[in-house]
PDB file of N, CA and C in Angstrom:
ATOM      1  N   MET A   1      41.345  16.812 120.650  1.00  0.00           N
ATOM      2  CA  MET A   1      41.717  15.547 120.043  1.00  0.00           C
ATOM      3  C   MET A   1      41.971  14.518 121.139  1.00  0.00           C
ATOM      4  N   GLY A   2      41.564  13.291 120.825  1.00  0.00           N
ATOM      5  CA  GLY A   2      41.835  12.212 121.755  1.00  0.00           C
ATOM      6  C   GLY A   2      43.271  11.744 121.641  1.00  0.00           C
ATOM      7  N   THR A   3      43.657  10.906 122.551  1.00  0.00           N
ATOM      8  CA  THR A   3      45.032  10.413 122.527  1.00  0.00           C
ATOM      9  C   THR A   3      45.299   9.531 121.315  1.00  0.00           C
ATOM     10  N   GLU A   4      44.242   8.851 120.821  1.00  0.00           N
ATOM     11  CA  GLU A   4      44.435   8.017 119.633  1.00  0.00           C
ATOM     12  C   GLU A   4      44.726   8.878 118.412  1.00  0.00           C
ATOM     13  N   MET A   5      44.020  10.003 118.287  1.00  0.00           N
ATOM     14  CA  MET A   5      44.255  10.903 117.157  1.00  0.00           C
ATOM     15  C   MET A   5      45.641  11.528 117.237  1.00  0.00           C
ATOM     16  N   LEU A   6      46.087  11.842 118.434  1.00  0.00           N
ATOM     17  CA  LEU A   6      47.432  12.392 118.586  1.00  0.00           C
ATOM     18  C   LEU A   6      48.486  11.360 118.204  1.00  0.00           C
ATOM     19  N   ALA A   7      48.248  10.097 118.542  1.00  0.00           N
ATOM     20  CA  ALA A   7      49.191   9.043 118.186  1.00  0.00           C
ATOM     21  C   ALA A   7      49.236   8.847 116.676  1.00  0.00           C
ATOM     22  N   ILE A   8      48.071   8.899 116.030  1.00  0.00           N
ATOM     23  CA  ILE A   8      48.034   8.760 114.570  1.00  0.00           C
ATOM     24  C   ILE A   8      48.716   9.954 113.918  1.00  0.00           C
ATOM     25  N   ARG A   9      48.471  11.155 114.450  1.00  0.00           N
ATOM     26  CA  ARG A   9      49.116  12.339 113.899  1.00  0.00           C
ATOM     27  C   ARG A   9      50.637  12.239 114.038  1.00  0.00           C
ATOM     28  N   ASP A  10      51.100  11.809 115.190  1.00  0.00           N
ATOM     29  CA  ASP A  10      52.537  11.676 115.398  1.00  0.00           C
ATOM     30  C   ASP A  10      53.136  10.596 114.508  1.00  0.00           C
ATOM     31  N   LEU A  11      52.370   9.546 114.230  1.00  0.00           N
ATOM     32  CA  LEU A  11      52.853   8.471 113.365  1.00  0.00           C
ATOM     33  C   LEU A  11      52.978   8.950 111.919  1.00  0.00           C
ATOM     34  N   LEU A  12      51.948   9.644 111.435  1.00  0.00           N
ATOM     35  CA  LEU A  12      51.950  10.078 110.036  1.00  0.00           C
ATOM     36  C   LEU A  12      52.813  11.306 109.807  1.00  0.00           C
ATOM     37  N   LEU A  13      52.916  12.179 110.786  1.00  0.00           N
ATOM     38  CA  LEU A  13      53.690  13.405 110.644  1.00  0.00           C
ATOM     39  C   LEU A  13      54.897  13.374 111.564  1.00  0.00           C
ATOM     40  N   SER A  14      55.665  12.300 111.487  1.00  0.00           N
ATOM     41  CA  SER A  14      56.808  12.185 112.380  1.00  0.00           C
ATOM     42  C   SER A  14      57.879  13.213 112.055  1.00  0.00           C
ATOM     43  N   CYS A  15      57.867  13.703 110.836  1.00  0.00           N
ATOM     44  CA  CYS A  15      58.813  14.740 110.435  1.00  0.00           C
ATOM     45  C   CYS A  15      58.055  15.716 109.532  1.00  0.00           C
ATOM     46  N   PRO A  16      57.394  16.717 110.095  1.00  0.00           N
ATOM     47  CA  PRO A  16      56.568  17.598 109.272  1.00  0.00           C
ATOM     48  C   PRO A  16      57.411  18.400 108.290  1.00  0.00           C
ATOM     49  N   PRO A  17      56.839  18.753 107.148  1.00  0.00           N
ATOM     50  CA  PRO A  17      57.591  19.498 106.142  1.00  0.00           C
ATOM     51  C   PRO A  17      57.725  20.965 106.526  1.00  0.00           C
ATOM     52  N   VAL A  18      58.824  21.312 107.123  1.00  0.00           N
ATOM     53  CA  VAL A  18      59.078  22.695 107.499  1.00  0.00           C
ATOM     54  C   VAL A  18      60.237  23.267 106.691  1.00  0.00           C
ATOM     55  N   TYR A  19      60.464  22.711 105.524  1.00  0.00           N
ATOM     56  CA  TYR A  19      61.617  23.100 104.738  1.00  0.00           C
ATOM     57  C   TYR A  19      61.459  24.478 104.100  1.00  0.00           C
ATOM     58  N   THR A  20      60.255  25.028 104.087  1.00  0.00           N
ATOM     59  CA  THR A  20      60.054  26.349 103.500  1.00  0.00           C
ATOM     60  C   THR A  20      60.306  27.464 104.495  1.00  0.00           C
ATOM     61  N   LEU A  21      60.517  27.121 105.744  1.00  0.00           N
ATOM     62  CA  LEU A  21      60.746  28.126 106.772  1.00  0.00           C
ATOM     63  C   LEU A  21      62.219  28.132 107.153  1.00  0.00           C
ATOM     64  N   PRO A  22      62.992  29.113 106.679  1.00  0.00           N
ATOM     65  CA  PRO A  22      64.417  29.163 107.041  1.00  0.00           C
ATOM     66  C   PRO A  22      64.591  29.270 108.555  1.00  0.00           C
ATOM     67  N   GLY A  23      65.578  28.582 109.049  1.00  0.00           N
ATOM     68  CA  GLY A  23      65.845  28.591 110.473  1.00  0.00           C
ATOM     69  C   GLY A  23      65.144  27.476 111.220  1.00  0.00           C
ATOM     70  N   THR A  24      64.248  26.739 110.556  1.00  0.00           N
ATOM     71  CA  THR A  24      63.549  25.639 111.222  1.00  0.00           C
ATOM     72  C   THR A  24      64.008  24.292 110.696  1.00  0.00           C
ATOM     73  N   TRP A  25      65.061  24.269 109.920  1.00  0.00           N
ATOM     74  CA  TRP A  25      65.562  23.006 109.378  1.00  0.00           C
ATOM     75  C   TRP A  25      66.238  22.230 110.493  1.00  0.00           C
ATOM     76  N   THR A  26      65.730  21.071 110.758  1.00  0.00           N
ATOM     77  CA  THR A  26      66.272  20.252 111.833  1.00  0.00           C
ATOM     78  C   THR A  26      66.542  18.852 111.307  1.00  0.00           C
ATOM     79  N   LYS A  27      67.263  18.094 112.090  1.00  0.00           N
ATOM     80  CA  LYS A  27      67.513  16.694 111.758  1.00  0.00           C
ATOM     81  C   LYS A  27      66.220  15.932 111.948  1.00  0.00           C
ATOM     82  N   CYS A  28      65.828  15.187 110.928  1.00  0.00           N
ATOM     83  CA  CYS A  28      64.564  14.464 110.966  1.00  0.00           C
ATOM     84  C   CYS A  28      64.817  13.022 111.387  1.00  0.00           C
ATOM     85  N   ASN A  29      64.192  12.612 112.465  1.00  0.00           N
ATOM     86  CA  ASN A  29      64.255  11.223 112.908  1.00  0.00           C
ATOM     87  C   ASN A  29      62.947  10.554 112.500  1.00  0.00           C
ATOM     88  N   ALA A  30      62.823  10.258 111.233  1.00  0.00           N
ATOM     89  CA  ALA A  30      61.589   9.688 110.711  1.00  0.00           C
ATOM     90  C   ALA A  30      61.477   8.214 111.077  1.00  0.00           C
ATOM     91  N   ILE A  31      60.253   7.722 111.057  1.00  0.00           N
ATOM     92  CA  ILE A  31      60.011   6.314 111.340  1.00  0.00           C
ATOM     93  C   ILE A  31      60.610   5.450 110.239  1.00  0.00           C
ATOM     94  N   ILE A  32      60.417   5.861 108.995  1.00  0.00           N
ATOM     95  CA  ILE A  32      60.981   5.154 107.850  1.00  0.00           C
ATOM     96  C   ILE A  32      62.158   5.980 107.341  1.00  0.00           C
ATOM     97  N   PRO A  33      63.387   5.533 107.565  1.00  0.00           N
ATOM     98  CA  PRO A  33      64.533   6.316 107.094  1.00  0.00           C
ATOM     99  C   PRO A  33      64.613   6.297 105.574  1.00  0.00           C
ATOM    100  N   HIS A  34      64.969   7.413 104.998  1.00  0.00           N
ATOM    101  CA  HIS A  34      65.066   7.543 103.555  1.00  0.00           C
ATOM    102  C   HIS A  34      66.524   7.515 103.136  1.00  0.00           C
ATOM    103  N   TYR A  35      66.759   6.957 101.960  1.00  0.00           N
ATOM    104  CA  TYR A  35      68.116   6.835 101.428  1.00  0.00           C
ATOM    105  C   TYR A  35      68.374   7.992 100.482  1.00  0.00           C
ATOM    106  N   ASN A  36      69.440   8.701 100.673  1.00  0.00           N
ATOM    107  CA  ASN A  36      69.829   9.790  99.787  1.00  0.00           C
ATOM    108  C   ASN A  36      71.014   9.330  98.951  1.00  0.00           C
ATOM    109  N   ALA A  37      70.763   9.115  97.660  1.00  0.00           N
ATOM    110  CA  ALA A  37      71.810   8.623  96.769  1.00  0.00           C
ATOM    111  C   ALA A  37      72.409   9.773  95.973  1.00  0.00           C
ATOM    112  N   ASP A  38      73.583   9.545  95.432  1.00  0.00           N
ATOM    113  CA  ASP A  38      74.256  10.516  94.582  1.00  0.00           C
ATOM    114  C   ASP A  38      73.503  10.619  93.252  1.00  0.00           C
ATOM    115  N   PRO A  39      73.106  11.816  92.819  1.00  0.00           N
ATOM    116  CA  PRO A  39      72.360  11.953  91.571  1.00  0.00           C
ATOM    117  C   PRO A  39      73.129  11.458  90.347  1.00  0.00           C
ATOM    118  N   ASN A  40      74.437  11.569  90.352  1.00  0.00           N
ATOM    119  CA  ASN A  40      75.214  11.080  89.214  1.00  0.00           C
ATOM    120  C   ASN A  40      75.124   9.559  89.102  1.00  0.00           C
ATOM    121  N   PHE A  41      75.040   8.877  90.213  1.00  0.00           N
ATOM    122  CA  PHE A  41      74.933   7.427  90.231  1.00  0.00           C
ATOM    123  C   PHE A  41      73.532   6.972  89.829  1.00  0.00           C
ATOM    124  N   THR A  42      72.515   7.637  90.345  1.00  0.00           N
ATOM    125  CA  THR A  42      71.145   7.227  90.069  1.00  0.00           C
ATOM    126  C   THR A  42      70.701   7.568  88.652  1.00  0.00           C
ATOM    127  N   PHE A  43      71.310   8.565  88.018  1.00  0.00           N
ATOM    128  CA  PHE A  43      70.962   8.887  86.639  1.00  0.00           C
ATOM    129  C   PHE A  43      71.347   7.737  85.716  1.00  0.00           C
ATOM    130  N   GLY A  44      72.509   7.162  85.907  1.00  0.00           N
ATOM    131  CA  GLY A  44      72.933   6.014  85.110  1.00  0.00           C
ATOM    132  C   GLY A  44      72.046   4.806  85.326  1.00  0.00           C
ATOM    133  N   ILE A  45      71.637   4.586  86.568  1.00  0.00           N
ATOM    134  CA  ILE A  45      70.729   3.474  86.859  1.00  0.00           C
ATOM    135  C   ILE A  45      69.389   3.697  86.176  1.00  0.00           C
ATOM    136  N   SER A  46      68.890   4.922  86.186  1.00  0.00           N
ATOM    137  CA  SER A  46      67.616   5.226  85.536  1.00  0.00           C
ATOM    138  C   SER A  46      67.673   4.971  84.039  1.00  0.00           C
ATOM    139  N   ILE A  47      68.750   5.386  83.396  1.00  0.00           N
ATOM    140  CA  ILE A  47      68.909   5.161  81.950  1.00  0.00           C
ATOM    141  C   ILE A  47      68.991   3.662  81.660  1.00  0.00           C
ATOM    142  N   ALA A  48      69.712   2.921  82.483  1.00  0.00           N
ATOM    143  CA  ALA A  48      69.828   1.471  82.290  1.00  0.00           C
ATOM    144  C   ALA A  48      68.479   0.776  82.468  1.00  0.00           C
ATOM    145  N   VAL A  49      67.712   1.172  83.462  1.00  0.00           N
ATOM    146  CA  VAL A  49      66.406   0.557  83.693  1.00  0.00           C
ATOM    147  C   VAL A  49      65.457   0.859  82.540  1.00  0.00           C
ATOM    148  N   ILE A  50      65.448   2.093  82.051  1.00  0.00           N
ATOM    149  CA  ILE A  50      64.589   2.456  80.918  1.00  0.00           C
ATOM    150  C   ILE A  50      64.990   1.666  79.677  1.00  0.00           C
ATOM    151  N   THR A  51      66.290   1.525  79.434  1.00  0.00           N
ATOM    152  CA  THR A  51      66.764   0.763  78.271  1.00  0.00           C
ATOM    153  C   THR A  51      66.362  -0.703  78.372  1.00  0.00           C
ATOM    154  N   ILE A  52      66.520  -1.298  79.537  1.00  0.00           N
ATOM    155  CA  ILE A  52      66.151  -2.706  79.721  1.00  0.00           C
ATOM    156  C   ILE A  52      64.645  -2.898  79.552  1.00  0.00           C
ATOM    157  N   LEU A  53      63.854  -1.975  80.079  1.00  0.00           N
ATOM    158  CA  LEU A  53      62.400  -2.084  79.932  1.00  0.00           C
ATOM    159  C   LEU A  53      61.970  -1.957  78.477  1.00  0.00           C
ATOM    160  N   LEU A  54      62.565  -1.031  77.735  1.00  0.00           N
ATOM    161  CA  LEU A  54      62.233  -0.885  76.319  1.00  0.00           C
ATOM    162  C   LEU A  54      62.664  -2.115  75.520  1.00  0.00           C
ATOM    163  N   ALA A  55      63.815  -2.687  75.829  1.00  0.00           N
ATOM    164  CA  ALA A  55      64.262  -3.894  75.139  1.00  0.00           C
ATOM    165  C   ALA A  55      63.344  -5.066  75.457  1.00  0.00           C
ATOM    166  N   ALA A  56      62.938  -5.194  76.717  1.00  0.00           N
ATOM    167  CA  ALA A  56      62.027  -6.275  77.092  1.00  0.00           C
ATOM    168  C   ALA A  56      60.671  -6.112  76.413  1.00  0.00           C
ATOM    169  N   PHE A  57      60.187  -4.897  76.308  1.00  0.00           N
ATOM    170  CA  PHE A  57      58.922  -4.662  75.617  1.00  0.00           C
ATOM    171  C   PHE A  57      59.048  -4.990  74.134  1.00  0.00           C
ATOM    172  N   GLY A  58      60.172  -4.646  73.521  1.00  0.00           N
ATOM    173  CA  GLY A  58      60.403  -4.979  72.115  1.00  0.00           C
ATOM    174  C   GLY A  58      60.457  -6.473  71.880  1.00  0.00           C
ATOM    175  N   ILE A  59      61.116  -7.198  72.777  1.00  0.00           N
ATOM    176  CA  ILE A  59      61.173  -8.660  72.650  1.00  0.00           C
ATOM    177  C   ILE A  59      59.790  -9.261  72.821  1.00  0.00           C
ATOM    178  N   TYR A  60      59.018  -8.754  73.771  1.00  0.00           N
ATOM    179  CA  TYR A  60      57.662  -9.254  73.977  1.00  0.00           C
ATOM    180  C   TYR A  60      56.800  -9.017  72.746  1.00  0.00           C
ATOM    181  N   LYS A  61      56.832  -7.792  72.213  1.00  0.00           N
ATOM    182  CA  LYS A  61      56.005  -7.493  71.040  1.00  0.00           C
ATOM    183  C   LYS A  61      56.508  -8.225  69.799  1.00  0.00           C
ATOM    184  N   GLY A  62      57.787  -8.476  69.711  1.00  0.00           N
ATOM    185  CA  GLY A  62      58.346  -9.145  68.539  1.00  0.00           C
ATOM    186  C   GLY A  62      58.082 -10.640  68.500  1.00  0.00           C
ATOM    187  N   PHE A  63      58.065 -11.287  69.655  1.00  0.00           N
ATOM    188  CA  PHE A  63      57.956 -12.737  69.684  1.00  0.00           C
ATOM    189  C   PHE A  63      56.658 -13.266  70.284  1.00  0.00           C
ATOM    190  N   PHE A  64      56.040 -12.530  71.202  1.00  0.00           N
ATOM    191  CA  PHE A  64      54.892 -13.077  71.923  1.00  0.00           C
ATOM    192  C   PHE A  64      53.598 -12.301  71.689  1.00  0.00           C
ATOM    193  N   GLY A  65      53.653 -11.000  71.579  1.00  0.00           N
ATOM    194  CA  GLY A  65      52.444 -10.196  71.481  1.00  0.00           C
ATOM    195  C   GLY A  65      52.122  -9.765  70.068  1.00  0.00           C
ATOM    196  N   ASN A  66      52.332 -10.641  69.092  1.00  0.00           N
ATOM    197  CA  ASN A  66      52.147 -10.250  67.691  1.00  0.00           C
ATOM    198  C   ASN A  66      51.107 -11.114  66.978  1.00  0.00           C
ATOM    199  N   LYS A  67      50.108 -11.567  67.675  1.00  0.00           N
ATOM    200  CA  LYS A  67      49.134 -12.490  67.070  1.00  0.00           C
ATOM    201  C   LYS A  67      48.280 -11.821  65.988  1.00  0.00           C
ATOM    202  N   GLY A  68      47.980 -10.542  66.099  1.00  0.00           N
ATOM    203  CA  GLY A  68      47.116  -9.871  65.131  1.00  0.00           C
ATOM    204  C   GLY A  68      47.862  -9.196  63.994  1.00  0.00           C
ATOM    205  N   LEU A  69      49.167  -9.371  63.892  1.00  0.00           N
ATOM    206  CA  LEU A  69      49.936  -8.700  62.850  1.00  0.00           C
ATOM    207  C   LEU A  69      49.895  -9.490  61.545  1.00  0.00           C
ATOM    208  N   ALA A  70      49.922  -8.770  60.431  1.00  0.00           N
ATOM    209  CA  ALA A  70      49.962  -9.397  59.114  1.00  0.00           C
ATOM    210  C   ALA A  70      51.326  -9.133  58.480  1.00  0.00           C
ATOM    211  N   ASP A  71      51.750 -10.002  57.600  1.00  0.00           N
ATOM    212  CA  ASP A  71      53.026  -9.844  56.916  1.00  0.00           C
ATOM    213  C   ASP A  71      52.766  -9.168  55.568  1.00  0.00           C
ATOM    214  N   PRO A  72      53.136  -7.890  55.412  1.00  0.00           N
ATOM    215  CA  PRO A  72      52.827  -7.194  54.160  1.00  0.00           C
ATOM    216  C   PRO A  72      53.624  -7.737  52.964  1.00  0.00           C
ATOM    217  N   TRP A  73      54.713  -8.439  53.197  1.00  0.00           N
ATOM    218  CA  TRP A  73      55.503  -8.963  52.064  1.00  0.00           C
ATOM    219  C   TRP A  73      54.754 -10.111  51.364  1.00  0.00           C
ATOM    220  N   ASP A  74      53.927 -10.827  52.088  1.00  0.00           N
ATOM    221  CA  ASP A  74      53.159 -11.909  51.475  1.00  0.00           C
ATOM    222  C   ASP A  74      51.997 -11.386  50.654  1.00  0.00           C
ATOM    223  N   ASP A  75      51.602 -10.159  50.861  1.00  0.00           N
ATOM    224  CA  ASP A  75      50.473  -9.569  50.149  1.00  0.00           C
ATOM    225  C   ASP A  75      50.861  -9.040  48.764  1.00  0.00           C
ATOM    226  N   HIS A  76      52.139  -8.898  48.474  1.00  0.00           N
ATOM    227  CA  HIS A  76      52.587  -8.342  47.186  1.00  0.00           C
ATOM    228  C   HIS A  76      52.681  -9.422  46.114  1.00  0.00           C
ATOM    229  N   ASP A  77      52.386  -9.028  44.908  1.00  0.00           N
ATOM    230  CA  ASP A  77      52.581  -9.937  43.772  1.00  0.00           C
ATOM    231  C   ASP A  77      53.996  -9.765  43.265  1.00  0.00           C
ATOM    232  N   ASP A  78      54.641 -10.871  42.930  1.00  0.00           N
ATOM    233  CA  ASP A  78      56.005 -10.790  42.420  1.00  0.00           C
ATOM    234  C   ASP A  78      56.037 -10.628  40.938  1.00  0.00           C
TER     235      ASP A  78
END
């Protein structure tokens, strides 16, 4: 391998996945640091984001994306 390929390999594999080999777990100094959040905190955020997205989709379909809908109450004879 040339030096350019070694540099690309080191860039992409700055912290190789060795988590399946016990005894090789080391501190990873990755180029892009990752954030480890508390799962109890992120679960609530996930539920809130899903709820907000569903509400926004409902508002969109109710007020803006309903051009092809028909009103079945107008079709009935009284």
